[in-house]
Amino acid sequence: MDFTKTSVRFFFVLILTISSSNVNILAKPAIDQASYNCIGPCMRFYGNMKCYNDCISKHYDGGQCDSTRGGKFPQCCCYNYKN
């Protein structure tokens, strides 16, 4: 019985230690920040498809309007996937 209690305590301490760890081993960004470049603003009628096509013509893998960048208008940002 004492062995079972000790095993359960050890198990819970181990789980608590792992869950409180601040290291994200499995997390990695899908797009490398070095290959994420904004080429200009997305105007009202610009749209994601035009941005995507402009990025493809500049030899990127794709692109989209990013509302977190830029001021009044979102930026057309192109990206390359890292293999």
PDB file of N, CA and C in Angstrom:
ATOM      1  N   MET A   1       0.823  -1.196   0.000  1.00  0.00           N
ATOM      2  CA  MET A   1       0.000   0.000   0.000  1.00  0.00           C
ATOM      3  C   MET A   1       0.863   1.253   0.000  1.00  0.00           C
ATOM      4  N   ASP A   2       1.937   1.215   0.788  1.00  0.00           N
ATOM      5  CA  ASP A   2       2.828   2.368   0.862  1.00  0.00           C
ATOM      6  C   ASP A   2       3.521   2.617  -0.479  1.00  0.00           C
ATOM      7  N   PHE A   3       3.853   1.519  -1.171  1.00  0.00           N
ATOM      8  CA  PHE A   3       4.480   1.640  -2.484  1.00  0.00           C
ATOM      9  C   PHE A   3       3.531   2.304  -3.477  1.00  0.00           C
ATOM     10  N   THR A   4       2.252   1.984  -3.431  1.00  0.00           N
ATOM     11  CA  THR A   4       1.251   2.568  -4.325  1.00  0.00           C
ATOM     12  C   THR A   4       1.090   4.057  -4.064  1.00  0.00           C
ATOM     13  N   LYS A   5       1.025   4.459  -2.818  1.00  0.00           N
ATOM     14  CA  LYS A   5       0.907   5.883  -2.489  1.00  0.00           C
ATOM     15  C   LYS A   5       2.124   6.653  -2.976  1.00  0.00           C
ATOM     16  N   THR A   6       3.291   6.090  -2.778  1.00  0.00           N
ATOM     17  CA  THR A   6       4.524   6.747  -3.229  1.00  0.00           C
ATOM     18  C   THR A   6       4.548   6.861  -4.748  1.00  0.00           C
ATOM     19  N   SER A   7       4.125   5.824  -5.424  1.00  0.00           N
ATOM     20  CA  SER A   7       4.085   5.847  -6.889  1.00  0.00           C
ATOM     21  C   SER A   7       3.109   6.898  -7.402  1.00  0.00           C
ATOM     22  N   VAL A   8       1.945   6.975  -6.788  1.00  0.00           N
ATOM     23  CA  VAL A   8       0.938   7.960  -7.195  1.00  0.00           C
ATOM     24  C   VAL A   8       1.446   9.372  -6.939  1.00  0.00           C
ATOM     25  N   ARG A   9       2.057   9.615  -5.808  1.00  0.00           N
ATOM     26  CA  ARG A   9       2.614  10.939  -5.507  1.00  0.00           C
ATOM     27  C   ARG A   9       3.693  11.312  -6.519  1.00  0.00           C
ATOM     28  N   PHE A  10       4.569  10.369  -6.807  1.00  0.00           N
ATOM     29  CA  PHE A  10       5.628  10.629  -7.780  1.00  0.00           C
ATOM     30  C   PHE A  10       5.032  10.959  -9.145  1.00  0.00           C
ATOM     31  N   PHE A  11       4.004  10.207  -9.536  1.00  0.00           N
ATOM     32  CA  PHE A  11       3.341  10.447 -10.808  1.00  0.00           C
ATOM     33  C   PHE A  11       2.735  11.851 -10.862  1.00  0.00           C
ATOM     34  N   PHE A  12       2.043  12.274  -9.819  1.00  0.00           N
ATOM     35  CA  PHE A  12       1.430  13.601  -9.789  1.00  0.00           C
ATOM     36  C   PHE A  12       2.475  14.712  -9.773  1.00  0.00           C
ATOM     37  N   VAL A  13       3.554  14.514  -9.045  1.00  0.00           N
ATOM     38  CA  VAL A  13       4.636  15.509  -9.040  1.00  0.00           C
ATOM     39  C   VAL A  13       5.255  15.606 -10.428  1.00  0.00           C
ATOM     40  N   LEU A  14       5.433  14.485 -11.085  1.00  0.00           N
ATOM     41  CA  LEU A  14       5.977  14.481 -12.442  1.00  0.00           C
ATOM     42  C   LEU A  14       5.048  15.220 -13.405  1.00  0.00           C
ATOM     43  N   ILE A  15       3.760  14.948 -13.346  1.00  0.00           N
ATOM     44  CA  ILE A  15       2.783  15.629 -14.206  1.00  0.00           C
ATOM     45  C   ILE A  15       2.758  17.121 -13.913  1.00  0.00           C
ATOM     46  N   LEU A  16       2.783  17.504 -12.660  1.00  0.00           N
ATOM     47  CA  LEU A  16       2.794  18.915 -12.288  1.00  0.00           C
ATOM     48  C   LEU A  16       4.045  19.609 -12.811  1.00  0.00           C
ATOM     49  N   THR A  17       5.174  18.960 -12.709  1.00  0.00           N
ATOM     50  CA  THR A  17       6.429  19.536 -13.200  1.00  0.00           C
ATOM     51  C   THR A  17       6.393  19.723 -14.709  1.00  0.00           C
ATOM     52  N   ILE A  18       5.912  18.729 -15.414  1.00  0.00           N
ATOM     53  CA  ILE A  18       5.845  18.820 -16.875  1.00  0.00           C
ATOM     54  C   ILE A  18       4.846  19.888 -17.305  1.00  0.00           C
ATOM     55  N   SER A  19       3.692  19.955 -16.666  1.00  0.00           N
ATOM     56  CA  SER A  19       2.668  20.916 -17.074  1.00  0.00           C
ATOM     57  C   SER A  19       3.047  22.353 -16.738  1.00  0.00           C
ATOM     58  N   SER A  20       3.868  22.550 -15.719  1.00  0.00           N
ATOM     59  CA  SER A  20       4.266  23.913 -15.371  1.00  0.00           C
ATOM     60  C   SER A  20       5.514  24.356 -16.113  1.00  0.00           C
ATOM     61  N   SER A  21       6.077  23.474 -16.900  1.00  0.00           N
ATOM     62  CA  SER A  21       7.260  23.822 -17.688  1.00  0.00           C
ATOM     63  C   SER A  21       6.879  24.859 -18.734  1.00  0.00           C
ATOM     64  N   ASN A  22       7.753  25.797 -18.977  1.00  0.00           N
ATOM     65  CA  ASN A  22       7.473  26.904 -19.885  1.00  0.00           C
ATOM     66  C   ASN A  22       8.092  26.683 -21.259  1.00  0.00           C
ATOM     67  N   VAL A  23       8.499  25.495 -21.569  1.00  0.00           N
ATOM     68  CA  VAL A  23       9.161  25.201 -22.833  1.00  0.00           C
ATOM     69  C   VAL A  23       8.156  24.563 -23.781  1.00  0.00           C
ATOM     70  N   ASN A  24       8.019  25.146 -24.966  1.00  0.00           N
ATOM     71  CA  ASN A  24       7.147  24.577 -25.987  1.00  0.00           C
ATOM     72  C   ASN A  24       8.008  23.793 -26.963  1.00  0.00           C
ATOM     73  N   ILE A  25       8.151  22.536 -26.734  1.00  0.00           N
ATOM     74  CA  ILE A  25       9.027  21.717 -27.560  1.00  0.00           C
ATOM     75  C   ILE A  25       8.401  21.458 -28.920  1.00  0.00           C
ATOM     76  N   LEU A  26       7.113  21.247 -28.965  1.00  0.00           N
ATOM     77  CA  LEU A  26       6.455  20.874 -30.203  1.00  0.00           C
ATOM     78  C   LEU A  26       6.023  22.062 -31.054  1.00  0.00           C
ATOM     79  N   ALA A  27       6.071  23.254 -30.507  1.00  0.00           N
ATOM     80  CA  ALA A  27       5.594  24.420 -31.245  1.00  0.00           C
ATOM     81  C   ALA A  27       6.693  24.988 -32.122  1.00  0.00           C
ATOM     82  N   LYS A  28       6.362  25.259 -33.383  1.00  0.00           N
ATOM     83  CA  LYS A  28       7.278  25.947 -34.276  1.00  0.00           C
ATOM     84  C   LYS A  28       6.449  26.784 -35.237  1.00  0.00           C
ATOM     85  N   PRO A  29       6.956  27.917 -35.667  1.00  0.00           N
ATOM     86  CA  PRO A  29       6.176  28.762 -36.566  1.00  0.00           C
ATOM     87  C   PRO A  29       5.998  28.102 -37.928  1.00  0.00           C
ATOM     88  N   ALA A  30       4.826  28.275 -38.512  1.00  0.00           N
ATOM     89  CA  ALA A  30       4.556  27.693 -39.818  1.00  0.00           C
ATOM     90  C   ALA A  30       5.283  28.446 -40.915  1.00  0.00           C
ATOM     91  N   ILE A  31       5.447  29.751 -40.733  1.00  0.00           N
ATOM     92  CA  ILE A  31       6.134  30.584 -41.719  1.00  0.00           C
ATOM     93  C   ILE A  31       7.330  31.223 -41.043  1.00  0.00           C
ATOM     94  N   ASP A  32       8.478  31.059 -41.645  1.00  0.00           N
ATOM     95  CA  ASP A  32       9.691  31.662 -41.113  1.00  0.00           C
ATOM     96  C   ASP A  32       9.586  33.175 -41.257  1.00  0.00           C
ATOM     97  N   GLN A  33       9.836  33.909 -40.176  1.00  0.00           N
ATOM     98  CA  GLN A  33       9.698  35.364 -40.199  1.00  0.00           C
ATOM     99  C   GLN A  33      10.663  36.018 -41.180  1.00  0.00           C
ATOM    100  N   ALA A  34      11.794  35.387 -41.460  1.00  0.00           N
ATOM    101  CA  ALA A  34      12.752  35.958 -42.406  1.00  0.00           C
ATOM    102  C   ALA A  34      12.206  35.920 -43.831  1.00  0.00           C
ATOM    103  N   SER A  35      11.246  35.034 -44.120  1.00  0.00           N
ATOM    104  CA  SER A  35      10.698  34.927 -45.468  1.00  0.00           C
ATOM    105  C   SER A  35       9.297  35.536 -45.559  1.00  0.00           C
ATOM    106  N   TYR A  36       8.982  36.468 -44.679  1.00  0.00           N
ATOM    107  CA  TYR A  36       7.676  37.123 -44.645  1.00  0.00           C
ATOM    108  C   TYR A  36       7.905  38.608 -44.896  1.00  0.00           C
ATOM    109  N   ASN A  37       7.703  39.040 -46.139  1.00  0.00           N
ATOM    110  CA  ASN A  37       7.999  40.418 -46.526  1.00  0.00           C
ATOM    111  C   ASN A  37       6.744  41.107 -47.036  1.00  0.00           C
ATOM    112  N   CYS A  38       6.534  42.337 -46.582  1.00  0.00           N
ATOM    113  CA  CYS A  38       5.400  43.133 -47.047  1.00  0.00           C
ATOM    114  C   CYS A  38       5.851  43.981 -48.229  1.00  0.00           C
ATOM    115  N   ILE A  39       5.054  43.953 -49.309  1.00  0.00           N
ATOM    116  CA  ILE A  39       5.455  44.641 -50.537  1.00  0.00           C
ATOM    117  C   ILE A  39       4.667  45.914 -50.790  1.00  0.00           C
ATOM    118  N   GLY A  40       3.630  46.179 -50.027  1.00  0.00           N
ATOM    119  CA  GLY A  40       2.857  47.401 -50.216  1.00  0.00           C
ATOM    120  C   GLY A  40       1.491  47.291 -49.570  1.00  0.00           C
ATOM    121  N   PRO A  41       0.737  48.389 -49.601  1.00  0.00           N
ATOM    122  CA  PRO A  41      -0.580  48.370 -48.955  1.00  0.00           C
ATOM    123  C   PRO A  41      -1.626  47.633 -49.788  1.00  0.00           C
ATOM    124  N   CYS A  42      -2.597  47.069 -49.114  1.00  0.00           N
ATOM    125  CA  CYS A  42      -3.774  46.484 -49.760  1.00  0.00           C
ATOM    126  C   CYS A  42      -4.853  47.567 -49.753  1.00  0.00           C
ATOM    127  N   MET A  43      -5.136  48.105 -50.902  1.00  0.00           N
ATOM    128  CA  MET A  43      -6.177  49.116 -50.991  1.00  0.00           C
ATOM    129  C   MET A  43      -7.549  48.453 -50.835  1.00  0.00           C
ATOM    130  N   ARG A  44      -8.585  49.245 -50.775  1.00  0.00           N
ATOM    131  CA  ARG A  44      -9.937  48.733 -50.528  1.00  0.00           C
ATOM    132  C   ARG A  44     -10.329  47.681 -51.563  1.00  0.00           C
ATOM    133  N   PHE A  45      -9.998  47.899 -52.821  1.00  0.00           N
ATOM    134  CA  PHE A  45     -10.381  46.970 -53.880  1.00  0.00           C
ATOM    135  C   PHE A  45      -9.241  46.038 -54.264  1.00  0.00           C
ATOM    136  N   TYR A  46      -8.166  46.042 -53.489  1.00  0.00           N
ATOM    137  CA  TYR A  46      -6.989  45.223 -53.785  1.00  0.00           C
ATOM    138  C   TYR A  46      -7.291  43.759 -53.511  1.00  0.00           C
ATOM    139  N   GLY A  47      -7.627  43.442 -52.289  1.00  0.00           N
ATOM    140  CA  GLY A  47      -8.065  42.097 -51.922  1.00  0.00           C
ATOM    141  C   GLY A  47      -6.956  41.069 -51.812  1.00  0.00           C
ATOM    142  N   ASN A  48      -7.280  39.985 -51.143  1.00  0.00           N
ATOM    143  CA  ASN A  48      -6.313  38.920 -50.925  1.00  0.00           C
ATOM    144  C   ASN A  48      -5.877  38.234 -52.212  1.00  0.00           C
ATOM    145  N   MET A  49      -6.787  38.058 -53.172  1.00  0.00           N
ATOM    146  CA  MET A  49      -6.426  37.361 -54.406  1.00  0.00           C
ATOM    147  C   MET A  49      -5.419  38.162 -55.221  1.00  0.00           C
ATOM    148  N   LYS A  50      -5.602  39.476 -55.304  1.00  0.00           N
ATOM    149  CA  LYS A  50      -4.636  40.313 -56.034  1.00  0.00           C
ATOM    150  C   LYS A  50      -3.298  40.296 -55.316  1.00  0.00           C
ATOM    151  N   CYS A  51      -3.311  40.378 -54.001  1.00  0.00           N
ATOM    152  CA  CYS A  51      -2.080  40.316 -53.218  1.00  0.00           C
ATOM    153  C   CYS A  51      -1.383  38.976 -53.458  1.00  0.00           C
ATOM    154  N   TYR A  52      -2.150  37.906 -53.418  1.00  0.00           N
ATOM    155  CA  TYR A  52      -1.599  36.566 -53.648  1.00  0.00           C
ATOM    156  C   TYR A  52      -0.951  36.479 -55.028  1.00  0.00           C
ATOM    157  N   ASN A  53      -1.650  36.974 -56.054  1.00  0.00           N
ATOM    158  CA  ASN A  53      -1.112  36.926 -57.419  1.00  0.00           C
ATOM    159  C   ASN A  53       0.132  37.790 -57.568  1.00  0.00           C
ATOM    160  N   ASP A  54       0.157  38.958 -56.926  1.00  0.00           N
ATOM    161  CA  ASP A  54       1.352  39.807 -56.966  1.00  0.00           C
ATOM    162  C   ASP A  54       2.541  39.110 -56.312  1.00  0.00           C
ATOM    163  N   CYS A  55       2.290  38.419 -55.226  1.00  0.00           N
ATOM    164  CA  CYS A  55       3.374  37.699 -54.545  1.00  0.00           C
ATOM    165  C   CYS A  55       3.878  36.535 -55.391  1.00  0.00           C
ATOM    166  N   ILE A  56       2.957  35.833 -56.047  1.00  0.00           N
ATOM    167  CA  ILE A  56       3.358  34.733 -56.928  1.00  0.00           C
ATOM    168  C   ILE A  56       4.215  35.268 -58.071  1.00  0.00           C
ATOM    169  N   SER A  57       3.848  36.431 -58.624  1.00  0.00           N
ATOM    170  CA  SER A  57       4.633  37.007 -59.723  1.00  0.00           C
ATOM    171  C   SER A  57       6.015  37.459 -59.268  1.00  0.00           C
ATOM    172  N   LYS A  58       6.193  37.672 -57.974  1.00  0.00           N
ATOM    173  CA  LYS A  58       7.503  38.040 -57.421  1.00  0.00           C
ATOM    174  C   LYS A  58       8.239  36.812 -56.878  1.00  0.00           C
ATOM    175  N   HIS A  59       7.798  35.621 -57.278  1.00  0.00           N
ATOM    176  CA  HIS A  59       8.440  34.342 -56.944  1.00  0.00           C
ATOM    177  C   HIS A  59       8.355  33.982 -55.468  1.00  0.00           C
ATOM    178  N   TYR A  60       7.265  34.358 -54.809  1.00  0.00           N
ATOM    179  CA  TYR A  60       6.975  33.887 -53.456  1.00  0.00           C
ATOM    180  C   TYR A  60       6.003  32.718 -53.562  1.00  0.00           C
ATOM    181  N   ASP A  61       5.834  31.983 -52.477  1.00  0.00           N
ATOM    182  CA  ASP A  61       4.885  30.865 -52.458  1.00  0.00           C
ATOM    183  C   ASP A  61       3.443  31.334 -52.313  1.00  0.00           C
ATOM    184  N   GLY A  62       3.233  32.525 -51.790  1.00  0.00           N
ATOM    185  CA  GLY A  62       1.889  33.055 -51.609  1.00  0.00           C
ATOM    186  C   GLY A  62       1.924  34.370 -50.872  1.00  0.00           C
ATOM    187  N   GLY A  63       0.745  34.894 -50.561  1.00  0.00           N
ATOM    188  CA  GLY A  63       0.661  36.157 -49.841  1.00  0.00           C
ATOM    189  C   GLY A  63      -0.769  36.478 -49.467  1.00  0.00           C
ATOM    190  N   GLN A  64      -0.912  37.430 -48.551  1.00  0.00           N
ATOM    191  CA  GLN A  64      -2.240  37.858 -48.116  1.00  0.00           C
ATOM    192  C   GLN A  64      -2.150  39.232 -47.490  1.00  0.00           C
ATOM    193  N   CYS A  65      -3.291  39.893 -47.377  1.00  0.00           N
ATOM    194  CA  CYS A  65      -3.357  41.192 -46.721  1.00  0.00           C
ATOM    195  C   CYS A  65      -3.288  40.981 -45.212  1.00  0.00           C
ATOM    196  N   ASP A  66      -2.352  41.658 -44.578  1.00  0.00           N
ATOM    197  CA  ASP A  66      -2.125  41.507 -43.140  1.00  0.00           C
ATOM    198  C   ASP A  66      -2.568  42.785 -42.446  1.00  0.00           C
ATOM    199  N   SER A  67      -3.683  42.710 -41.715  1.00  0.00           N
ATOM    200  CA  SER A  67      -4.226  43.904 -41.057  1.00  0.00           C
ATOM    201  C   SER A  67      -3.445  44.290 -39.807  1.00  0.00           C
ATOM    202  N   THR A  68      -2.535  43.446 -39.341  1.00  0.00           N
ATOM    203  CA  THR A  68      -1.728  43.793 -38.168  1.00  0.00           C
ATOM    204  C   THR A  68      -0.529  44.649 -38.544  1.00  0.00           C
ATOM    205  N   ARG A  69      -0.286  44.793 -39.826  1.00  0.00           N
ATOM    206  CA  ARG A  69       0.826  45.632 -40.287  1.00  0.00           C
ATOM    207  C   ARG A  69       0.273  46.788 -41.096  1.00  0.00           C
ATOM    208  N   GLY A  70       0.937  47.890 -41.031  1.00  0.00           N
ATOM    209  CA  GLY A  70       0.499  49.062 -41.766  1.00  0.00           C
ATOM    210  C   GLY A  70      -0.389  49.947 -40.919  1.00  0.00           C
ATOM    211  N   GLY A  71      -0.757  51.067 -41.479  1.00  0.00           N
ATOM    212  CA  GLY A  71      -1.579  52.019 -40.748  1.00  0.00           C
ATOM    213  C   GLY A  71      -3.036  51.909 -41.136  1.00  0.00           C
ATOM    214  N   LYS A  72      -3.467  52.824 -42.020  1.00  0.00           N
ATOM    215  CA  LYS A  72      -4.869  52.875 -42.428  1.00  0.00           C
ATOM    216  C   LYS A  72      -5.259  51.651 -43.257  1.00  0.00           C
ATOM    217  N   PHE A  73      -4.355  51.205 -44.099  1.00  0.00           N
ATOM    218  CA  PHE A  73      -4.618  50.045 -44.946  1.00  0.00           C
ATOM    219  C   PHE A  73      -3.723  48.881 -44.524  1.00  0.00           C
ATOM    220  N   PRO A  74      -4.239  47.667 -44.585  1.00  0.00           N
ATOM    221  CA  PRO A  74      -3.381  46.514 -44.290  1.00  0.00           C
ATOM    222  C   PRO A  74      -2.301  46.369 -45.358  1.00  0.00           C
ATOM    223  N   GLN A  75      -1.249  45.674 -45.035  1.00  0.00           N
ATOM    224  CA  GLN A  75      -0.134  45.475 -45.954  1.00  0.00           C
ATOM    225  C   GLN A  75      -0.283  44.144 -46.692  1.00  0.00           C
ATOM    226  N   CYS A  76       0.141  44.140 -47.961  1.00  0.00           N
ATOM    227  CA  CYS A  76       0.222  42.903 -48.726  1.00  0.00           C
ATOM    228  C   CYS A  76       1.553  42.255 -48.374  1.00  0.00           C
ATOM    229  N   CYS A  77       1.501  41.139 -47.677  1.00  0.00           N
ATOM    230  CA  CYS A  77       2.717  40.469 -47.208  1.00  0.00           C
ATOM    231  C   CYS A  77       2.856  39.119 -47.897  1.00  0.00           C
ATOM    232  N   CYS A  78       4.045  38.877 -48.430  1.00  0.00           N
ATOM    233  CA  CYS A  78       4.347  37.645 -49.154  1.00  0.00           C
ATOM    234  C   CYS A  78       5.169  36.718 -48.269  1.00  0.00           C
ATOM    235  N   TYR A  79       5.058  35.440 -48.530  1.00  0.00           N
ATOM    236  CA  TYR A  79       5.785  34.470 -47.715  1.00  0.00           C
ATOM    237  C   TYR A  79       6.290  33.318 -48.568  1.00  0.00           C
ATOM    238  N   ASN A  80       7.320  32.676 -48.060  1.00  0.00           N
ATOM    239  CA  ASN A  80       7.847  31.428 -48.601  1.00  0.00           C
ATOM    240  C   ASN A  80       7.789  30.385 -47.509  1.00  0.00           C
ATOM    241  N   TYR A  81       7.377  29.190 -47.875  1.00  0.00           N
ATOM    242  CA  TYR A  81       7.392  28.086 -46.918  1.00  0.00           C
ATOM    243  C   TYR A  81       8.805  27.561 -46.810  1.00  0.00           C
ATOM    244  N   LYS A  82       9.186  27.196 -45.600  1.00  0.00           N
ATOM    245  CA  LYS A  82      10.521  26.658 -45.371  1.00  0.00           C
ATOM    246  C   LYS A  82      10.427  25.145 -45.356  1.00  0.00           C
ATOM    247  N   ASN A  83      11.239  24.496 -46.151  1.00  0.00           N
ATOM    248  CA  ASN A  83      11.232  23.025 -46.201  1.00  0.00           C
ATOM    249  C   ASN A  83      12.159  22.452 -45.178  1.00  0.00           C
TER     250      ASN A  83
END
